[in-house]
Amino acid sequence: MWERARLSWALRRNRLIGGAAANGLARWFPGPGRRYARRLFDLTAGFVYAQVIQALVTSGLLARLAQGPAALDEAVLVAGLDGSATLTLLRAAKSLQLVEERGGTWLLAGLGAALAAMPGLADMVRHHRLLYADLADPLAMLRGGGAGELARLWRYDGTADPADVATYSALMAATQPMVAQQVLGACSFAGSRALLDVGGGTGGFLAAVRTAYLQLRLGLFDRPAVVEGARGRVDAALHPGSFRDDPLPGGYDAISLVRVLHDHDDEVVHRLLASVRAALPAGGRLVIAEPLADTPGAESMGHAYFGFYLAAMRSGRPRTYAEYAAMLRAAGFASIRRKRTSIPLITSVIIAVA
């Protein structure tokens, strides 16, 4: 009954808004009208805003202004543009509250200072060049017509530009400390004897764990070529293998999956969770760190951003906590909890006990 009432209300609301919009929404509903108009304009102009940030970063102006104010003539030299084009870029960035002008010089505004200082964010902006190329025709991308730029990068099959691979690797390395901080703030490994990080790359997460838990025995499981890159960089036993095909090593009472699951399709995730459950002893814990599709206050991050990003990548999908909980129960985990993080936009944490 309540569902039918909510549907009836939603349909009536849409008729009212549609009629008012056709006849001048702001005239009939001044407050909501202005909000809808502003929100709709930002949505339709969002790609242009993103290109302003892209230009600010790739031109070198963001890095230069992070060092201090610059006159226009210096900004021209840094950006490699003429004076008019440089002013167009700076004024656009000013309108987005990224830079400001004081006494004839340009400097970062508060939002721009945060962009310059936040680890990995400038690398993410550079990396998004590939996503923008894939989204030039979003319907073609959704139809799956051939591998795009992100799909080639993800598979590391030799077709990706080495510079793009390096940028993506730098992005992962730069953002790993932030993710590790969120995970370690949400859960404790004090009761664990040994932790295996599956798909842990070159050991960024384990390095953060080591600083907090000196006595914890650590292990890293990843593809052979990736594990070689971790040798000498992290105090952990190295286990080369593919979690798609190989069983996980035993001897660990805690296993972590940090930014691993959402990049893979359901079939792979089901197999991996079953493999984790088989490797853990009774009472062992699995720690999952993922951006979740149902994160309160960051819903657009889930199905809008990650939904399209992963669709372009041709692998994985955004999932809610309820979907992960169902997968974990199917794999044989008995106790499943969602732990609060201080910045859920970066990552959420799920703990499952075998």
Protein backbone atom coordinates (compact mmCIF):
# COMPACT_ATOMS: atom_id res chain seq x y z
CA MET A 1 0.00 0.00 0.00
CA TRP A 2 2.75 2.42 0.96
CA GLU A 3 4.68 1.66 -2.21
CA ARG A 4 1.59 2.42 -4.32
CA ALA A 5 1.07 5.69 -2.43
CA ARG A 6 4.69 6.71 -2.95
CA LEU A 7 4.44 5.94 -6.67
CA SER A 8 1.21 7.98 -6.95
CA TRP A 9 2.86 10.92 -5.18
CA ALA A 10 5.94 10.74 -7.41
CA LEU A 11 3.82 10.75 -10.58
CA ARG A 12 1.77 13.73 -9.32
CA ARG A 13 4.98 15.59 -8.42
CA ASN A 14 6.39 15.00 -11.91
CA ARG A 15 3.19 16.28 -13.56
CA LEU A 16 3.30 19.44 -11.46
CA ILE A 17 6.98 20.07 -12.16
CA GLY A 18 6.57 19.28 -15.86
CA GLY A 19 3.67 21.68 -16.25
CA ALA A 20 5.39 24.40 -14.26
CA ALA A 21 8.65 23.96 -16.19
CA ALA A 22 6.85 24.30 -19.52
CA ASN A 23 5.32 27.56 -18.32
CA GLY A 24 8.32 29.03 -16.53
CA LEU A 25 9.27 27.00 -13.47
CA ALA A 26 10.82 29.89 -11.57
CA ARG A 27 7.64 31.96 -11.94
CA TRP A 28 5.47 29.27 -10.35
CA PHE A 29 7.97 27.93 -7.82
CA PRO A 30 10.72 30.56 -7.33
CA GLY A 31 12.84 28.63 -4.81
CA PRO A 32 12.66 25.12 -6.32
CA GLY A 33 12.71 26.60 -9.82
CA ARG A 34 16.06 28.29 -9.29
CA ARG A 35 17.49 25.15 -7.68
CA TYR A 36 16.34 22.90 -10.51
CA ALA A 37 17.66 25.33 -13.12
CA ARG A 38 21.07 25.59 -11.44
CA ARG A 39 21.33 21.85 -10.89
CA LEU A 40 20.31 21.02 -14.46
CA PHE A 41 22.77 23.56 -15.88
CA ASP A 42 25.61 22.11 -13.78
CA LEU A 43 24.73 18.60 -14.96
CA THR A 44 24.70 19.59 -18.63
CA ALA A 45 27.86 21.71 -18.28
CA GLY A 46 29.72 19.26 -16.07
CA PHE A 47 31.92 17.94 -18.88
CA VAL A 48 33.08 21.48 -19.65
CA TYR A 49 33.87 22.08 -15.98
CA ALA A 50 35.94 18.88 -15.97
CA GLN A 51 37.87 20.10 -19.02
CA VAL A 52 38.69 23.36 -17.22
CA ILE A 53 40.24 21.32 -14.41
CA GLN A 54 42.00 19.10 -16.96
CA ALA A 55 43.51 22.15 -18.65
CA LEU A 56 44.52 23.72 -15.33
CA VAL A 57 46.36 20.54 -14.33
CA THR A 58 47.94 19.51 -17.63
CA SER A 59 49.07 23.04 -18.49
CA GLY A 60 51.18 23.12 -15.33
CA LEU A 61 49.30 26.14 -13.95
CA LEU A 62 47.94 24.25 -10.94
CA ALA A 63 51.42 23.11 -9.91
CA ARG A 64 52.88 26.58 -10.51
CA LEU A 65 50.19 28.40 -8.50
CA ALA A 66 50.60 25.86 -5.70
CA GLN A 67 54.06 27.42 -5.25
CA GLY A 68 52.65 30.95 -4.91
CA PRO A 69 51.04 33.83 -6.84
CA ALA A 70 51.99 34.44 -10.47
CA ALA A 71 51.53 37.40 -12.78
CA LEU A 72 49.71 36.88 -16.06
CA ASP A 73 52.88 37.02 -18.16
CA GLU A 74 54.39 34.17 -16.13
CA ALA A 75 51.13 32.18 -16.38
CA VAL A 76 51.34 32.60 -20.17
CA LEU A 77 54.82 31.08 -20.21
CA VAL A 78 53.83 28.18 -17.96
CA ALA A 79 50.66 27.30 -19.90
CA GLY A 80 52.25 27.70 -23.34
CA LEU A 81 49.24 29.71 -24.50
CA ASP A 82 48.84 33.27 -25.69
CA GLY A 83 47.60 35.93 -23.28
CA SER A 84 43.97 35.77 -24.36
CA ALA A 85 43.77 31.97 -24.10
CA THR A 86 45.52 31.99 -20.72
CA LEU A 87 43.01 34.55 -19.41
CA THR A 88 40.15 32.40 -20.71
CA LEU A 89 41.49 29.44 -18.74
CA LEU A 90 42.20 31.43 -15.57
CA ARG A 91 38.81 33.14 -15.60
CA ALA A 92 37.06 29.82 -16.14
CA ALA A 93 39.00 28.34 -13.20
CA LYS A 94 38.10 31.39 -11.13
CA SER A 95 34.40 30.88 -11.84
CA LEU A 96 34.77 27.35 -10.48
CA GLN A 97 36.47 28.74 -7.35
CA LEU A 98 39.77 27.06 -8.17
CA VAL A 99 41.83 30.24 -8.56
CA GLU A 100 41.43 33.90 -7.69
CA GLU A 101 42.91 37.22 -8.80
CA ARG A 102 44.40 39.69 -6.35
CA GLY A 103 46.10 42.89 -7.39
CA GLY A 104 46.88 41.76 -10.90
CA THR A 105 48.32 38.41 -9.83
CA TRP A 106 46.75 34.97 -9.83
CA LEU A 107 46.77 32.47 -6.97
CA LEU A 108 44.95 29.34 -5.89
CA ALA A 109 41.58 29.68 -4.20
CA GLY A 110 40.73 27.33 -1.32
CA LEU A 111 39.28 24.64 -3.59
CA GLY A 112 42.30 24.85 -5.89
CA ALA A 113 44.66 24.53 -2.92
CA ALA A 114 42.81 21.37 -1.88
CA LEU A 115 43.06 20.02 -5.44
CA ALA A 116 46.80 20.65 -5.51
CA ALA A 117 47.42 19.17 -2.07
CA MET A 118 45.18 16.10 -2.09
CA PRO A 119 47.31 13.04 -2.93
CA GLY A 120 46.55 11.54 -6.30
CA LEU A 121 43.84 13.98 -7.33
CA ALA A 122 45.87 15.67 -10.07
CA ASP A 123 46.89 12.20 -11.30
CA MET A 124 43.20 11.25 -11.42
CA VAL A 125 42.46 14.33 -13.52
CA ARG A 126 45.20 13.33 -15.99
CA HIS A 127 43.99 9.72 -16.03
CA HIS A 128 40.44 10.85 -16.84
CA ARG A 129 41.61 11.77 -20.33
CA LEU A 130 41.07 8.11 -21.19
CA LEU A 131 37.60 8.04 -19.67
CA TYR A 132 36.59 11.18 -21.56
CA ALA A 133 37.70 9.57 -24.83
CA ASP A 134 35.56 6.50 -24.10
CA LEU A 135 32.57 8.69 -23.21
CA ALA A 136 32.69 10.75 -26.41
CA ASP A 137 29.83 8.47 -27.53
CA PRO A 138 28.33 7.09 -24.28
CA LEU A 139 25.73 4.92 -26.02
CA ALA A 140 28.41 3.26 -28.15
CA MET A 141 30.38 2.63 -24.95
CA LEU A 142 27.33 1.08 -23.28
CA ARG A 143 26.72 -1.12 -26.31
CA GLY A 144 30.23 -2.49 -25.85
CA GLY A 145 31.46 -1.84 -29.34
CA GLY A 146 35.12 -2.84 -29.03
CA ALA A 147 37.71 -2.15 -26.37
CA GLY A 148 38.16 1.51 -25.52
CA GLU A 149 41.05 3.36 -23.91
CA LEU A 150 40.27 2.22 -20.34
CA ALA A 151 39.76 -1.39 -21.39
CA ARG A 152 43.18 -1.47 -23.08
CA LEU A 153 44.82 0.10 -20.04
CA TRP A 154 43.15 -2.30 -17.63
CA ARG A 155 44.25 -5.43 -19.47
CA TYR A 156 47.88 -4.33 -19.78
CA ASP A 157 47.98 -6.16 -23.10
CA GLY A 158 50.62 -3.93 -24.65
CA THR A 159 48.19 -1.72 -26.56
CA ALA A 160 48.06 1.02 -23.92
CA ASP A 161 50.31 4.05 -24.03
CA PRO A 162 53.15 3.52 -21.49
CA ALA A 163 52.62 7.08 -20.27
CA ASP A 164 48.97 6.26 -19.50
CA VAL A 165 50.00 3.11 -17.64
CA ALA A 166 52.54 5.14 -15.63
CA THR A 167 49.91 7.77 -14.80
CA TYR A 168 47.47 5.10 -13.62
CA SER A 169 50.16 3.43 -11.51
CA ALA A 170 51.06 6.79 -9.99
CA LEU A 171 47.39 7.38 -9.22
CA MET A 172 47.07 4.05 -7.41
CA ALA A 173 50.29 4.61 -5.46
CA ALA A 174 49.37 8.17 -4.49
CA THR A 175 45.87 7.32 -3.28
CA GLN A 176 46.77 4.10 -1.46
CA PRO A 177 47.88 5.89 1.78
CA MET A 178 44.50 7.65 2.01
CA VAL A 179 42.67 4.36 1.56
CA ALA A 180 44.93 2.60 4.08
CA GLN A 181 44.31 5.36 6.61
CA GLN A 182 40.55 4.88 6.27
CA VAL A 183 40.81 1.10 6.61
CA LEU A 184 43.10 1.22 9.65
CA GLY A 185 40.85 3.79 11.27
CA ALA A 186 37.83 1.52 10.81
CA CYS A 187 39.21 -1.84 11.91
CA SER A 188 41.96 -3.29 14.06
CA PHE A 189 44.35 -6.13 13.31
CA ALA A 190 45.47 -6.37 16.95
CA GLY A 191 43.84 -9.79 17.37
CA SER A 192 45.30 -11.22 14.16
CA ARG A 193 48.55 -13.16 13.79
CA ALA A 194 49.05 -12.99 10.02
CA LEU A 195 47.49 -10.87 7.24
CA LEU A 196 47.46 -11.73 3.52
CA ASP A 197 46.70 -8.83 1.17
CA VAL A 198 45.23 -10.25 -2.04
CA GLY A 199 45.67 -8.16 -5.17
CA GLY A 200 47.87 -5.84 -3.11
CA GLY A 201 50.02 -4.52 -5.95
CA THR A 202 53.45 -3.41 -4.81
CA GLY A 203 52.51 -3.48 -1.13
CA GLY A 204 51.27 0.03 -0.41
CA PHE A 205 48.53 -1.13 1.96
CA LEU A 206 50.79 -3.60 3.75
CA ALA A 207 53.42 -0.90 4.26
CA ALA A 208 50.84 1.17 6.12
CA VAL A 209 49.76 -1.87 8.15
CA ARG A 210 53.38 -2.57 9.10
CA THR A 211 53.81 0.86 10.70
CA ALA A 212 50.84 0.18 12.99
CA TYR A 213 51.35 -3.54 13.70
CA LEU A 214 55.03 -4.38 13.99
CA GLN A 215 54.48 -7.99 15.14
CA LEU A 216 51.92 -8.92 12.49
CA ARG A 217 53.18 -11.39 9.88
CA LEU A 218 52.34 -10.11 6.41
CA GLY A 219 51.87 -11.71 3.01
CA LEU A 220 51.18 -10.32 -0.45
CA PHE A 221 49.41 -12.23 -3.23
CA ASP A 222 49.29 -10.83 -6.76
CA ARG A 223 50.31 -11.61 -10.33
CA PRO A 224 53.95 -12.66 -10.69
CA ALA A 225 55.06 -9.51 -12.52
CA VAL A 226 53.35 -7.30 -9.93
CA VAL A 227 54.79 -9.19 -6.97
CA GLU A 228 58.29 -8.74 -8.40
CA GLY A 229 57.73 -5.00 -8.21
CA ALA A 230 57.08 -5.34 -4.47
CA ARG A 231 60.30 -7.23 -3.76
CA GLY A 232 62.47 -5.22 -1.40
CA ARG A 233 59.77 -2.57 -0.95
CA VAL A 234 57.60 -4.25 1.67
CA ASP A 235 58.30 -6.50 4.66
CA ALA A 236 56.05 -9.37 3.60
CA ALA A 237 56.13 -12.89 2.20
CA LEU A 238 55.47 -12.71 -1.54
CA HIS A 239 53.05 -15.16 -3.15
CA PRO A 240 52.86 -14.92 -6.97
CA GLY A 241 49.66 -16.14 -8.57
CA SER A 242 46.31 -15.22 -10.08
CA PHE A 243 43.27 -15.17 -7.84
CA ARG A 244 41.18 -15.94 -10.92
CA ASP A 245 42.77 -19.39 -11.26
CA ASP A 246 45.03 -20.23 -8.29
CA PRO A 247 44.13 -21.14 -4.69
CA LEU A 248 45.21 -18.67 -2.04
CA PRO A 249 48.01 -19.68 0.35
CA GLY A 250 47.05 -20.84 3.83
CA GLY A 251 48.55 -19.87 7.17
CA TYR A 252 46.83 -16.47 7.46
CA ASP A 253 44.02 -15.70 9.88
CA ALA A 254 43.19 -12.39 8.17
CA ILE A 255 42.87 -11.56 4.48
CA SER A 256 42.33 -8.14 2.92
CA LEU A 257 40.86 -7.13 -0.43
CA VAL A 258 41.57 -3.43 -0.92
CA ARG A 259 40.01 -1.87 -4.04
CA VAL A 260 39.86 -5.26 -5.76
CA LEU A 261 36.28 -6.49 -6.03
CA HIS A 262 34.44 -3.70 -7.83
CA ASP A 263 36.86 -3.98 -10.77
CA HIS A 264 35.74 -7.57 -11.48
CA ASP A 265 32.59 -9.25 -12.76
CA ASP A 266 30.28 -11.21 -10.47
CA GLU A 267 31.58 -14.62 -11.52
CA VAL A 268 35.16 -13.66 -10.62
CA VAL A 269 34.07 -12.11 -7.31
CA HIS A 270 32.09 -15.21 -6.31
CA ARG A 271 35.10 -17.44 -7.03
CA LEU A 272 37.48 -15.14 -5.18
CA LEU A 273 35.30 -14.93 -2.06
CA ALA A 274 34.95 -18.72 -2.03
CA SER A 275 38.74 -19.01 -2.35
CA VAL A 276 39.22 -16.59 0.55
CA ARG A 277 36.78 -18.57 2.70
CA ALA A 278 38.64 -21.80 1.89
CA ALA A 279 41.99 -20.25 2.85
CA LEU A 280 40.83 -18.81 6.18
CA PRO A 281 40.61 -20.85 9.40
CA ALA A 282 37.42 -20.85 11.43
CA GLY A 283 37.07 -17.42 13.01
CA GLY A 284 39.43 -15.84 10.46
CA ARG A 285 38.51 -12.41 9.13
CA LEU A 286 38.16 -10.94 5.66
CA VAL A 287 38.51 -7.15 5.37
CA ILE A 288 37.05 -5.58 2.21
CA ALA A 289 37.74 -1.94 1.34
CA GLU A 290 35.62 -0.68 -1.54
CA PRO A 291 33.68 2.38 -2.70
CA LEU A 292 30.06 1.29 -2.21
CA ALA A 293 27.21 2.25 -4.51
CA ASP A 294 24.89 3.10 -1.62
CA THR A 295 27.23 5.45 0.27
CA PRO A 296 25.01 8.11 1.93
CA GLY A 297 25.77 11.56 0.57
CA ALA A 298 27.86 10.15 -2.29
CA GLU A 299 25.28 8.26 -4.30
CA SER A 300 26.40 9.79 -7.60
CA MET A 301 29.87 8.35 -7.02
CA GLY A 302 28.41 4.85 -7.11
CA HIS A 303 26.19 4.25 -10.11
CA ALA A 304 26.98 7.45 -12.05
CA TYR A 305 30.77 7.74 -11.80
CA PHE A 306 31.85 4.15 -11.10
CA GLY A 307 28.94 2.74 -13.11
CA PHE A 308 30.15 4.42 -16.29
CA TYR A 309 33.85 4.09 -15.45
CA LEU A 310 33.61 0.32 -14.98
CA ALA A 311 31.36 -0.02 -18.04
CA ALA A 312 34.06 1.71 -20.08
CA MET A 313 36.66 -0.54 -18.50
CA ARG A 314 34.59 -3.59 -19.53
CA SER A 315 35.08 -5.19 -16.12
CA GLY A 316 33.26 -5.08 -12.81
CA ARG A 317 30.32 -3.01 -11.60
CA PRO A 318 29.44 -0.84 -8.59
CA ARG A 319 27.81 -2.83 -5.79
CA THR A 320 25.90 -1.98 -2.64
CA TYR A 321 26.66 -3.29 0.83
CA ALA A 322 23.62 -5.58 0.59
CA GLU A 323 24.96 -7.12 -2.63
CA TYR A 324 28.36 -7.78 -1.10
CA ALA A 325 26.74 -9.20 2.03
CA ALA A 326 24.72 -11.64 -0.10
CA MET A 327 27.87 -12.70 -1.96
CA LEU A 328 29.73 -13.21 1.32
CA ARG A 329 26.93 -15.34 2.76
CA ALA A 330 26.91 -17.44 -0.41
CA ALA A 331 30.67 -17.97 0.07
CA GLY A 332 30.09 -19.28 3.58
CA PHE A 333 30.85 -16.30 5.82
CA ALA A 334 28.77 -16.23 8.96
CA SER A 335 29.19 -12.74 10.41
CA ILE A 336 29.21 -9.69 8.13
CA ARG A 337 29.46 -6.07 9.29
CA ARG A 338 29.83 -2.69 7.62
CA LYS A 339 32.29 -0.45 9.46
CA ARG A 340 32.11 3.33 9.39
CA THR A 341 35.01 5.26 7.86
CA SER A 342 35.71 8.96 8.35
CA ILE A 343 35.57 9.67 4.58
CA PRO A 344 33.22 7.08 3.01
CA LEU A 345 33.59 8.84 -0.34
CA ILE A 346 37.11 7.37 -0.47
CA THR A 347 36.27 3.89 0.77
CA SER A 348 33.92 1.85 2.94
CA VAL A 349 34.93 -1.19 4.96
CA ILE A 350 33.18 -4.56 5.29
CA ILE A 351 34.39 -7.21 7.75
CA ALA A 352 33.32 -10.83 7.34
CA VAL A 353 34.18 -13.66 9.76
CA ALA A 354 34.66 -17.22 8.55
